[in-house]
Protein backbone atom coordinates (compact mmCIF):
# COMPACT_ATOMS: atom_id res chain seq x y z
CA MET A 1 86.46 92.20 148.57
CA VAL A 2 89.67 92.50 150.55
CA GLY A 3 91.89 95.58 150.37
CA ALA A 4 93.99 94.31 147.46
CA ASP A 5 90.84 93.60 145.43
CA LEU A 6 89.51 97.09 146.10
CA ALA A 7 92.84 98.64 145.09
CA ASN A 8 92.74 96.66 141.83
CA LEU A 9 89.18 97.80 141.21
CA VAL A 10 90.02 101.48 141.79
CA ASN A 11 93.05 101.26 139.50
CA GLU A 12 90.95 99.64 136.78
CA ALA A 13 88.31 102.36 137.09
CA ALA A 14 90.98 105.08 136.90
CA LEU A 15 92.42 103.54 133.71
CA LEU A 16 88.96 103.46 132.14
CA ALA A 17 88.43 107.13 133.01
CA VAL A 18 91.77 108.05 131.36
CA ARG A 19 90.91 106.10 128.20
CA ARG A 20 87.59 107.94 128.06
CA LYS A 21 89.42 111.27 128.49
CA LYS A 22 87.58 112.06 131.73
CA LYS A 23 89.00 114.24 134.49
CA GLU A 24 87.20 112.29 137.22
CA VAL A 25 86.35 108.64 137.84
CA GLY A 26 82.57 108.23 137.80
CA MET A 27 80.14 105.51 138.78
CA ALA A 28 80.10 104.20 135.18
CA GLU A 29 83.84 103.47 135.42
CA PHE A 30 83.49 101.79 138.80
CA GLU A 31 80.65 99.58 137.57
CA GLU A 32 82.65 98.56 134.51
CA ALA A 33 85.68 97.92 136.72
CA VAL A 34 83.63 95.63 138.97
CA GLU A 35 82.57 93.61 135.92
CA ARG A 36 86.15 93.38 134.67
CA VAL A 37 87.49 92.26 138.03
CA MET A 38 84.69 89.75 138.70
CA ALA A 39 83.97 88.39 135.23
CA GLY A 40 86.96 89.30 133.08
CA LEU A 41 87.39 91.42 129.97
CA GLU A 42 84.68 91.55 127.30
CA LYS A 43 85.36 89.27 124.33
CA LYS A 44 83.09 90.77 121.68
CA ASN A 45 85.19 89.18 118.95
CA ARG A 46 84.25 85.72 120.22
CA LEU A 47 81.67 84.48 117.72
CA ILE A 48 78.72 82.53 119.14
CA ASN A 49 76.14 80.92 116.89
CA PRO A 50 72.52 82.15 117.23
CA GLU A 51 71.26 78.97 118.93
CA GLU A 52 73.93 79.05 121.64
CA ARG A 53 73.34 82.78 122.11
CA LYS A 54 69.67 82.03 122.72
CA ILE A 55 70.56 79.34 125.25
CA VAL A 56 72.84 81.77 127.11
CA ALA A 57 70.15 84.47 127.18
CA TYR A 58 67.49 82.18 128.64
CA HIS A 59 70.01 80.64 131.05
CA GLU A 60 71.11 83.98 132.52
CA LEU A 61 67.55 85.27 132.71
CA GLY A 62 66.60 82.08 134.53
CA HIS A 63 69.04 83.00 137.31
CA ALA A 64 67.74 86.56 137.46
CA ILE A 65 64.02 85.74 137.46
CA VAL A 66 64.38 83.14 140.20
CA ALA A 67 66.44 85.59 142.28
CA LEU A 68 63.84 88.33 141.84
CA ASN A 69 61.08 86.07 143.14
CA LEU A 70 62.73 84.64 146.24
CA PRO A 71 63.39 86.22 149.65
CA GLY A 72 66.91 86.55 150.97
CA THR A 73 68.66 86.89 147.60
CA ASP A 74 71.09 89.64 146.59
CA PRO A 75 69.60 92.25 144.22
CA VAL A 76 70.07 91.61 140.51
CA GLN A 77 72.19 94.42 139.07
CA LYS A 78 72.89 93.34 135.50
CA ILE A 79 72.34 90.51 133.02
CA SER A 80 74.71 90.21 130.06
CA ILE A 81 75.25 87.82 127.17
CA VAL A 82 78.52 89.45 126.11
CA PRO A 83 81.29 86.83 126.53
CA ARG A 84 83.88 87.69 129.17
CA GLY A 85 87.12 86.19 130.36
CA ILE A 86 88.25 82.76 129.25
CA ALA A 87 85.01 80.80 129.32
CA ALA A 88 82.07 82.95 130.46
CA LEU A 89 79.48 83.27 127.67
CA GLY A 90 77.24 85.45 129.84
CA TYR A 91 76.63 86.31 133.45
CA THR A 92 74.09 87.55 135.96
CA MET A 93 75.54 90.00 138.46
CA GLN A 94 74.02 90.14 141.94
CA VAL A 95 75.45 92.66 144.36
CA PRO A 96 74.75 92.58 148.12
CA THR A 97 73.51 95.79 149.69
CA GLU A 98 75.41 95.34 152.96
CA ASP A 99 78.21 93.35 154.58
CA ARG A 100 77.04 89.97 155.84
CA PHE A 101 78.67 87.64 158.34
CA LEU A 102 75.90 85.06 158.75
CA MET A 103 73.47 83.37 156.38
CA ARG A 104 70.20 81.72 157.34
CA LYS A 105 69.03 78.36 156.07
CA THR A 106 66.25 80.04 154.07
CA GLU A 107 68.79 82.29 152.36
CA LEU A 108 71.06 79.38 151.48
CA LEU A 109 68.14 77.48 149.95
CA SER A 110 67.18 80.55 147.91
CA LYS A 111 70.79 80.83 146.73
CA ILE A 112 70.75 77.21 145.56
CA ALA A 113 67.45 77.74 143.73
CA THR A 114 68.89 80.84 142.03
CA LEU A 115 71.99 78.94 140.93
CA LEU A 116 69.76 76.23 139.41
CA GLY A 117 67.47 78.78 137.75
CA GLY A 118 69.57 78.86 134.58
CA ARG A 119 69.25 75.14 133.97
CA ALA A 120 65.54 75.28 134.87
CA ALA A 121 64.99 77.92 132.18
CA GLU A 122 66.83 75.81 129.60
CA GLU A 123 64.71 72.76 130.39
CA ILE A 124 61.39 74.60 130.25
CA VAL A 125 62.05 76.80 127.21
CA LEU A 126 64.29 74.59 125.09
CA GLY A 127 63.22 71.14 126.26
CA ASP A 128 66.86 70.21 126.75
CA ILE A 129 69.80 71.13 128.98
CA SER A 130 73.36 72.17 128.16
CA THR A 131 76.79 71.99 129.75
CA GLY A 132 76.56 75.68 130.62
CA ALA A 133 75.35 74.92 134.15
CA HIS A 134 78.47 73.04 135.28
CA ASN A 135 79.76 75.90 137.44
CA ASP A 136 76.26 76.51 138.86
CA LEU A 137 75.96 72.85 139.80
CA SER A 138 79.37 72.92 141.46
CA LYS A 139 78.46 75.94 143.62
CA ALA A 140 74.97 74.65 144.46
CA THR A 141 76.32 71.24 145.46
CA GLU A 142 78.99 72.81 147.66
CA ILE A 143 76.37 74.90 149.49
CA ALA A 144 74.12 71.88 150.01
CA ARG A 145 77.07 69.80 151.22
CA SER A 146 78.05 72.48 153.73
CA MET A 147 74.46 72.73 154.96
CA VAL A 148 74.38 68.99 155.71
CA LYS A 149 77.95 68.38 156.90
CA GLU A 150 78.97 71.62 158.58
CA TYR A 151 75.94 73.74 159.49
CA GLY A 152 73.63 71.08 160.93
CA MET A 153 70.80 72.15 158.59
CA SER A 154 69.47 68.68 157.77
CA ASP A 155 66.75 67.16 159.97
CA ALA A 156 67.70 63.64 158.86
CA VAL A 157 71.39 64.02 159.70
CA GLY A 158 70.86 66.24 162.72
CA GLN A 159 72.96 68.76 164.60
CA VAL A 160 76.25 67.05 163.83
CA TYR A 161 79.43 68.50 162.33
CA PHE A 162 81.29 66.29 159.89
CA SER A 163 84.71 67.65 158.99
CA ARG A 164 85.74 67.63 155.37
CA GLU A 165 87.38 64.49 154.03
CA LYS A 166 91.12 64.34 154.53
CA ARG A 167 93.78 62.44 152.65
CA PRO A 168 94.38 58.98 154.11
CA LEU A 169 96.97 58.88 156.88
CA PHE A 170 99.69 56.27 156.42
CA LEU A 171 100.71 54.74 159.72
CA GLU A 172 104.04 53.08 160.41
CA THR A 173 102.46 49.71 159.70
CA GLY A 174 101.49 50.89 156.24
CA MET A 175 97.77 50.77 157.04
CA GLN A 176 95.52 53.67 156.10
CA GLY A 177 93.57 55.62 158.72
CA GLY A 178 89.85 54.85 158.88
CA GLY A 179 87.03 57.18 157.90
CA GLU A 180 85.47 59.66 160.32
CA TYR A 181 81.95 58.25 159.92
CA SER A 182 80.29 55.06 158.74
CA GLU A 183 79.30 54.10 155.23
CA ALA A 184 75.64 54.29 156.26
CA THR A 185 76.14 57.88 157.43
CA ALA A 186 77.95 58.73 154.19
CA GLN A 187 74.99 57.39 152.22
CA LEU A 188 72.57 59.42 154.35
CA ILE A 189 74.63 62.57 153.76
CA ASP A 190 74.67 61.97 149.99
CA LYS A 191 70.91 61.39 150.03
CA GLU A 192 70.27 64.62 151.94
CA ILE A 193 72.48 66.66 149.59
CA ALA A 194 70.63 65.24 146.58
CA GLN A 195 67.28 65.94 148.24
CA ILE A 196 68.15 69.60 148.87
CA LEU A 197 69.30 70.09 145.27
CA SER A 198 66.22 68.32 143.87
CA ALA A 199 63.81 70.36 146.01
CA GLN A 200 65.41 73.67 145.04
CA TYR A 201 65.53 72.74 141.36
CA GLY A 202 61.80 72.02 141.59
CA ARG A 203 61.35 75.42 143.20
CA ALA A 204 63.24 77.08 140.34
CA LEU A 205 61.19 75.20 137.73
CA GLU A 206 57.96 76.37 139.37
CA ILE A 207 59.06 80.02 139.32
CA ILE A 208 60.19 79.86 135.68
CA ARG A 209 56.92 78.23 134.60
CA SER A 210 54.86 80.90 136.36
CA HIS A 211 56.87 83.67 134.66
CA ARG A 212 57.28 82.09 131.22
CA ASP A 213 55.71 85.02 129.35
CA ASN A 214 57.96 87.53 131.09
CA LEU A 215 60.96 85.29 130.44
CA ASP A 216 60.27 85.29 126.70
CA LYS A 217 59.72 89.04 126.71
CA ALA A 218 62.97 89.70 128.55
CA ALA A 219 64.89 87.27 126.32
CA THR A 220 63.82 89.20 123.22
CA VAL A 221 65.15 92.44 124.71
CA LEU A 222 68.37 90.84 125.99
CA LEU A 223 69.15 89.21 122.64
CA GLU A 224 68.74 92.60 120.98
CA LYS A 225 70.60 94.78 123.51
CA GLU A 226 73.04 92.16 124.92
CA LYS A 227 72.83 93.79 128.37
CA ILE A 228 69.96 94.81 130.64
CA ASP A 229 70.05 95.98 134.23
CA GLY A 230 67.97 94.80 137.16
CA LYS A 231 65.61 97.78 137.05
CA GLU A 232 64.85 97.17 133.38
CA LEU A 233 64.14 93.50 134.04
CA LYS A 234 61.80 94.39 136.91
CA ALA A 235 59.95 96.82 134.63
CA LEU A 236 59.59 94.15 131.93
CA MET A 237 58.18 91.76 134.53
CA GLY A 238 55.93 94.32 136.16
CA ILE A 239 57.66 93.94 139.53
CA THR A 240 57.27 97.06 141.66
CA GLU A 241 58.79 95.82 144.91
CA ASP A 242 61.30 93.27 146.14
CA PRO A 243 60.27 89.92 147.68
CA ALA A 244 59.23 90.15 151.32
CA PRO A 245 62.27 89.97 153.60
CA ILE A 246 62.84 86.92 155.76
CA LYS A 247 61.52 87.58 159.24
CA THR A 248 63.25 86.55 162.42
CA ALA A 249 61.50 84.71 165.24
CA GLU A 250 61.39 87.95 167.25
CA GLU A 251 59.58 89.74 164.43
């Protein structure tokens, strides 16, 4: 967060403390303020039918379970199926433990797999998929596109930087400026993006299948309580330690 975001968060936490007639702002107020700032206000009056509620629970747990089983992912702090903001029917909150300025290829792939974990859970548990993954797909595709076009993380495309598409330039003659790379290269880029997404979706499916019993167990608790934190989910899954960290070449 930038300074203005932090100021907004602190103000929100202070307001919560006043409403709760507290003399000091505590961690509970800060955590609630983070949720309000990031996901919006709770909309408990928004009625969701039982089937959709079940889909949301499995979807959010899919994100969390994949994240808990991959290296290089941010820790899962909370899973909720309480609607927030304008459109969010639930959310999985992951909070980094330190400031980061670089991300490795392995971490980006794990992030894509985590984003696709919700849809993977829907497919495995419900035998169908919903529109709830549209934002996940958008984020995952953007990461994969950046990996191929900007970070040189595709063996097929190579160590080449392709700038983002620009609006056509109209010259004095009225002709439009040409593209920055060939149609064949564009097709190769599209193929590589699709390959990354497909591979990471397969990775998410494999994790969900191997933890199906724990997924069902956690879904039962989440549907009853509406919110569970990362520690509670780990306990339900019998996880006692985080995934092994990604090692550098020097290590």
